[in-house]
Amino acid sequence: ALNLPVTNVDNAQVGGTTANVISAGLAIGMMPGVYAVQLQISNSLPTNPLTQLYIAQNVFTSNIVTIPVVASTNPAATSAARPADQKQRGRGASLPRR
């Protein structure tokens, strides 16, 4: 018999916001009933080591689990915080010659 899911994952909530379900299905090589779920979470979530996550499939809802989330940073904002007159030292940095 094939080990195929009857219903797809309908909803996933991470930190109180809806996550985009990229893929969900029975995990290969695992016992029947073990799912592998790939989610895309909102980049607006704040850093929280105890972010709550649950998924829903048809009328069934998973247990709530916690996952660590680290907020994304804007690369332009971090480079703008460094004064322009400071030069970076190290590999690839141009050093004055004697």
Protein backbone atom coordinates (compact mmCIF):
# COMPACT_ATOMS: atom_id res chain seq x y z
CA ALA A 1 0.00 0.00 0.00
CA LEU A 2 1.17 3.50 -0.75
CA ASN A 3 1.92 5.77 2.17
CA LEU A 4 0.34 8.93 0.72
CA PRO A 5 -1.32 11.76 2.66
CA VAL A 6 -5.08 11.96 2.31
CA THR A 7 -5.23 15.73 2.80
CA ASN A 8 -2.61 18.44 2.39
CA VAL A 9 -1.52 20.79 5.17
CA ASP A 10 -4.06 23.61 5.10
CA ASN A 11 -2.54 26.17 7.42
CA ALA A 12 0.60 26.91 9.39
CA GLN A 13 0.92 29.58 12.06
CA VAL A 14 4.29 30.87 13.24
CA GLY A 15 4.37 33.56 15.90
CA GLY A 16 0.70 34.36 15.30
CA THR A 17 1.14 34.96 11.56
CA THR A 18 0.30 32.67 8.66
CA ALA A 19 3.30 30.92 7.12
CA ASN A 20 3.51 29.90 3.47
CA VAL A 21 3.50 26.09 3.17
CA ILE A 22 6.11 25.29 0.53
CA SER A 23 5.78 21.53 0.76
CA ALA A 24 4.30 18.97 3.11
CA GLY A 25 4.19 15.23 2.86
CA LEU A 26 5.03 12.01 4.54
CA ALA A 27 8.74 11.85 5.34
CA ILE A 28 10.69 9.35 3.26
CA GLY A 29 12.20 6.53 5.27
CA MET A 30 10.20 7.32 8.40
CA MET A 31 7.33 5.46 10.02
CA PRO A 32 3.86 6.09 8.55
CA GLY A 33 2.35 9.31 9.87
CA VAL A 34 5.60 11.29 10.18
CA TYR A 35 5.40 14.43 8.03
CA ALA A 36 8.13 16.70 6.67
CA VAL A 37 6.86 20.27 6.33
CA GLN A 38 8.76 23.16 4.74
CA LEU A 39 7.52 26.64 5.62
CA GLN A 40 8.35 30.16 4.54
CA ILE A 41 7.84 32.50 7.47
CA SER A 42 7.25 36.24 7.41
CA ASN A 43 10.39 38.38 7.53
CA SER A 44 8.53 40.77 9.84
CA LEU A 45 8.70 38.35 12.78
CA PRO A 46 10.84 39.66 15.65
CA THR A 47 13.70 37.72 17.21
CA ASN A 48 12.24 35.28 19.71
CA PRO A 49 13.86 32.04 20.89
CA LEU A 50 10.41 30.68 21.87
CA THR A 51 8.26 31.43 18.81
CA GLN A 52 5.17 29.21 18.74
CA LEU A 53 4.39 27.08 15.68
CA TYR A 54 1.51 24.79 14.77
CA ILE A 55 0.13 23.31 11.56
CA ALA A 56 -3.40 22.30 10.59
CA GLN A 57 -4.53 19.53 8.29
CA ASN A 58 -8.24 19.28 7.54
CA VAL A 59 -9.89 19.37 11.01
CA PHE A 60 -6.72 18.27 12.83
CA THR A 61 -4.28 20.67 14.51
CA SER A 62 -0.79 19.74 15.63
CA ASN A 63 0.62 20.30 19.07
CA ILE A 64 2.14 23.74 19.57
CA VAL A 65 5.93 23.63 19.42
CA THR A 66 8.48 26.40 19.90
CA ILE A 67 11.23 27.28 17.44
CA PRO A 68 13.92 29.98 17.57
CA VAL A 69 13.40 32.86 15.13
CA VAL A 70 16.06 35.47 14.40
CA ALA A 71 14.81 38.67 12.76
CA SER A 72 16.30 39.47 9.39
CA THR A 73 18.51 42.55 9.11
CA ASN A 74 18.68 44.98 6.25
CA PRO A 75 22.27 44.97 4.84
CA ALA A 76 21.93 48.61 3.75
CA ALA A 77 21.04 49.67 7.29
CA THR A 78 24.08 47.98 8.82
CA SER A 79 26.51 49.48 6.27
CA ALA A 80 24.92 52.91 6.67
CA ALA A 81 25.57 52.76 10.40
CA ARG A 82 29.34 52.64 9.76
CA PRO A 83 30.88 56.04 8.95
CA ALA A 84 32.01 56.30 5.33
CA ASP A 85 35.46 57.63 6.24
CA GLN A 86 36.39 54.43 8.14
CA LYS A 87 38.11 51.96 5.85
CA GLN A 88 37.76 48.27 6.30
CA ARG A 89 40.99 46.46 7.19
CA GLY A 90 41.84 42.85 6.50
CA ARG A 91 41.51 40.64 3.47
CA GLY A 92 40.62 42.51 0.36
CA ALA A 93 41.14 45.92 1.98
CA SER A 94 43.59 48.20 0.23
CA LEU A 95 46.42 49.18 2.54
CA PRO A 96 48.81 52.12 1.95
CA ARG A 97 52.19 51.10 0.53
CA ARG A 98 55.49 52.31 2.01
